[in-house]
Amino acid sequence: MEILSTLVVWQICCISSSFLMAVSVHLFIYVQAGPFSVQR
């Protein structure tokens, strides 16, 4: 059971970190090609 819970925690950490990476990349692309760069 201890190994199973460790795997679950590690999987949740991996999913959350990859999700944060994807969100930051999308925000970066949106800022680069979005209305902010158009207004300047």
PDB file of N, CA and C in Angstrom:
ATOM      1  N   MET A   1       0.843  -1.218   0.000  1.00  0.00           N
ATOM      2  CA  MET A   1       0.000   0.000   0.000  1.00  0.00           C
ATOM      3  C   MET A   1       0.871   1.259   0.000  1.00  0.00           C
ATOM      4  N   GLU A   2       1.996   1.196   0.705  1.00  0.00           N
ATOM      5  CA  GLU A   2       2.844   2.387   0.782  1.00  0.00           C
ATOM      6  C   GLU A   2       3.403   2.744  -0.600  1.00  0.00           C
ATOM      7  N   ILE A   3       3.815   1.708  -1.351  1.00  0.00           N
ATOM      8  CA  ILE A   3       4.359   1.955  -2.689  1.00  0.00           C
ATOM      9  C   ILE A   3       3.269   2.513  -3.598  1.00  0.00           C
ATOM     10  N   LEU A   4       2.049   2.010  -3.462  1.00  0.00           N
ATOM     11  CA  LEU A   4       0.948   2.467  -4.310  1.00  0.00           C
ATOM     12  C   LEU A   4       0.656   3.938  -4.060  1.00  0.00           C
ATOM     13  N   SER A   5       0.599   4.344  -2.792  1.00  0.00           N
ATOM     14  CA  SER A   5       0.318   5.754  -2.482  1.00  0.00           C
ATOM     15  C   SER A   5       1.454   6.642  -2.991  1.00  0.00           C
ATOM     16  N   THR A   6       2.686   6.168  -2.910  1.00  0.00           N
ATOM     17  CA  THR A   6       3.818   6.954  -3.417  1.00  0.00           C
ATOM     18  C   THR A   6       3.704   7.145  -4.921  1.00  0.00           C
ATOM     19  N   LEU A   7       3.293   6.072  -5.638  1.00  0.00           N
ATOM     20  CA  LEU A   7       3.123   6.180  -7.089  1.00  0.00           C
ATOM     21  C   LEU A   7       2.004   7.161  -7.422  1.00  0.00           C
ATOM     22  N   VAL A   8       0.923   7.129  -6.656  1.00  0.00           N
ATOM     23  CA  VAL A   8      -0.201   8.040  -6.915  1.00  0.00           C
ATOM     24  C   VAL A   8       0.233   9.480  -6.707  1.00  0.00           C
ATOM     25  N   VAL A   9       0.960   9.743  -5.623  1.00  0.00           N
ATOM     26  CA  VAL A   9       1.434  11.109  -5.344  1.00  0.00           C
ATOM     27  C   VAL A   9       2.380  11.571  -6.448  1.00  0.00           C
ATOM     28  N   TRP A  10       3.280  10.669  -6.889  1.00  0.00           N
ATOM     29  CA  TRP A  10       4.233  11.028  -7.950  1.00  0.00           C
ATOM     30  C   TRP A  10       3.504  11.314  -9.250  1.00  0.00           C
ATOM     31  N   GLN A  11       2.455  10.525  -9.557  1.00  0.00           N
ATOM     32  CA  GLN A  11       1.688  10.736 -10.781  1.00  0.00           C
ATOM     33  C   GLN A  11       0.957  12.075 -10.726  1.00  0.00           C
ATOM     34  N   ILE A  12       0.375  12.400  -9.572  1.00  0.00           N
ATOM     35  CA  ILE A  12      -0.332  13.681  -9.430  1.00  0.00           C
ATOM     36  C   ILE A  12       0.646  14.844  -9.593  1.00  0.00           C
ATOM     37  N   CYS A  13       1.847  14.700  -9.026  1.00  0.00           N
ATOM     38  CA  CYS A  13       2.855  15.755  -9.161  1.00  0.00           C
ATOM     39  C   CYS A  13       3.255  15.927 -10.626  1.00  0.00           C
ATOM     40  N   CYS A  14       3.432  14.832 -11.329  1.00  0.00           N
ATOM     41  CA  CYS A  14       3.822  14.907 -12.744  1.00  0.00           C
ATOM     42  C   CYS A  14       2.720  15.568 -13.563  1.00  0.00           C
ATOM     43  N   ILE A  15       1.465  15.179 -13.321  1.00  0.00           N
ATOM     44  CA  ILE A  15       0.349  15.741 -14.093  1.00  0.00           C
ATOM     45  C   ILE A  15       0.213  17.235 -13.806  1.00  0.00           C
ATOM     46  N   SER A  16       0.314  17.622 -12.543  1.00  0.00           N
ATOM     47  CA  SER A  16       0.157  19.036 -12.200  1.00  0.00           C
ATOM     48  C   SER A  16       1.314  19.863 -12.761  1.00  0.00           C
ATOM     49  N   SER A  17       2.528  19.331 -12.721  1.00  0.00           N
ATOM     50  CA  SER A  17       3.669  20.091 -13.239  1.00  0.00           C
ATOM     51  C   SER A  17       3.580  20.249 -14.757  1.00  0.00           C
ATOM     52  N   SER A  18       3.170  19.191 -15.453  1.00  0.00           N
ATOM     53  CA  SER A  18       3.026  19.293 -16.908  1.00  0.00           C
ATOM     54  C   SER A  18       1.878  20.223 -17.264  1.00  0.00           C
ATOM     55  N   PHE A  19       0.807  20.216 -16.453  1.00  0.00           N
ATOM     56  CA  PHE A  19      -0.314  21.128 -16.692  1.00  0.00           C
ATOM     57  C   PHE A  19       0.128  22.574 -16.510  1.00  0.00           C
ATOM     58  N   LEU A  20       0.914  22.832 -15.459  1.00  0.00           N
ATOM     59  CA  LEU A  20       1.412  24.197 -15.239  1.00  0.00           C
ATOM     60  C   LEU A  20       2.337  24.621 -16.373  1.00  0.00           C
ATOM     61  N   MET A  21       3.161  23.708 -16.855  1.00  0.00           N
ATOM     62  CA  MET A  21       4.045  24.029 -17.979  1.00  0.00           C
ATOM     63  C   MET A  21       3.234  24.399 -19.216  1.00  0.00           C
ATOM     64  N   ALA A  22       2.192  23.612 -19.504  1.00  0.00           N
ATOM     65  CA  ALA A  22       1.360  23.884 -20.680  1.00  0.00           C
ATOM     66  C   ALA A  22       0.653  25.229 -20.533  1.00  0.00           C
ATOM     67  N   VAL A  23       0.148  25.527 -19.342  1.00  0.00           N
ATOM     68  CA  VAL A  23      -0.555  26.797 -19.120  1.00  0.00           C
ATOM     69  C   VAL A  23       0.410  27.968 -19.292  1.00  0.00           C
ATOM     70  N   SER A  24       1.617  27.848 -18.743  1.00  0.00           N
ATOM     71  CA  SER A  24       2.584  28.952 -18.866  1.00  0.00           C
ATOM     72  C   SER A  24       3.001  29.152 -20.324  1.00  0.00           C
ATOM     73  N   VAL A  25       3.166  28.047 -21.063  1.00  0.00           N
ATOM     74  CA  VAL A  25       3.537  28.164 -22.478  1.00  0.00           C
ATOM     75  C   VAL A  25       2.415  28.831 -23.263  1.00  0.00           C
ATOM     76  N   HIS A  26       1.161  28.439 -22.989  1.00  0.00           N
ATOM     77  CA  HIS A  26       0.029  29.051 -23.688  1.00  0.00           C
ATOM     78  C   HIS A  26      -0.079  30.542 -23.353  1.00  0.00           C
ATOM     79  N   LEU A  27       0.145  30.890 -22.078  1.00  0.00           N
ATOM     80  CA  LEU A  27       0.097  32.300 -21.693  1.00  0.00           C
ATOM     81  C   LEU A  27       1.214  33.073 -22.382  1.00  0.00           C
ATOM     82  N   PHE A  28       2.403  32.486 -22.475  1.00  0.00           N
ATOM     83  CA  PHE A  28       3.529  33.157 -23.127  1.00  0.00           C
ATOM     84  C   PHE A  28       3.223  33.397 -24.604  1.00  0.00           C
ATOM     85  N   ILE A  29       2.679  32.376 -25.282  1.00  0.00           N
ATOM     86  CA  ILE A  29       2.334  32.530 -26.707  1.00  0.00           C
ATOM     87  C   ILE A  29       1.235  33.572 -26.864  1.00  0.00           C
ATOM     88  N   TYR A  30       0.242  33.572 -25.959  1.00  0.00           N
ATOM     89  CA  TYR A  30      -0.849  34.539 -26.057  1.00  0.00           C
ATOM     90  C   TYR A  30      -0.337  35.963 -25.864  1.00  0.00           C
ATOM     91  N   VAL A  31       0.603  36.133 -24.927  1.00  0.00           N
ATOM     92  CA  VAL A  31       1.158  37.474 -24.693  1.00  0.00           C
ATOM     93  C   VAL A  31       2.008  37.910 -25.887  1.00  0.00           C
ATOM     94  N   GLN A  32       2.747  36.973 -26.468  1.00  0.00           N
ATOM     95  CA  GLN A  32       3.611  37.323 -27.591  1.00  0.00           C
ATOM     96  C   GLN A  32       2.797  37.669 -28.841  1.00  0.00           C
ATOM     97  N   ALA A  33       1.739  36.911 -29.129  1.00  0.00           N
ATOM     98  CA  ALA A  33       0.965  37.103 -30.364  1.00  0.00           C
ATOM     99  C   ALA A  33      -0.438  37.615 -30.084  1.00  0.00           C
ATOM    100  N   GLY A  34      -0.680  38.080 -28.866  1.00  0.00           N
ATOM    101  CA  GLY A  34      -2.025  38.501 -28.484  1.00  0.00           C
ATOM    102  C   GLY A  34      -2.224  39.998 -28.635  1.00  0.00           C
ATOM    103  N   PRO A  35      -3.267  40.532 -28.022  1.00  0.00           N
ATOM    104  CA  PRO A  35      -3.584  41.961 -28.148  1.00  0.00           C
ATOM    105  C   PRO A  35      -2.534  42.862 -27.490  1.00  0.00           C
ATOM    106  N   PHE A  36      -1.752  42.318 -26.544  1.00  0.00           N
ATOM    107  CA  PHE A  36      -0.766  43.161 -25.865  1.00  0.00           C
ATOM    108  C   PHE A  36       0.296  43.648 -26.851  1.00  0.00           C
ATOM    109  N   SER A  37       0.796  42.737 -27.695  1.00  0.00           N
ATOM    110  CA  SER A  37       1.824  43.134 -28.662  1.00  0.00           C
ATOM    111  C   SER A  37       1.209  43.996 -29.768  1.00  0.00           C
ATOM    112  N   VAL A  38      -0.102  43.828 -30.022  1.00  0.00           N
ATOM    113  CA  VAL A  38      -0.750  44.613 -31.073  1.00  0.00           C
ATOM    114  C   VAL A  38      -0.921  46.062 -30.608  1.00  0.00           C
ATOM    115  N   GLN A  39      -1.229  46.251 -29.314  1.00  0.00           N
ATOM    116  CA  GLN A  39      -1.437  47.605 -28.800  1.00  0.00           C
ATOM    117  C   GLN A  39      -0.135  48.405 -28.811  1.00  0.00           C
ATOM    118  N   ARG A  40       1.001  47.734 -28.614  1.00  0.00           N
ATOM    119  CA  ARG A  40       2.282  48.441 -28.663  1.00  0.00           C
ATOM    120  C   ARG A  40       2.605  48.746 -30.090  1.00  0.00           C
TER     121      ARG A  40
END
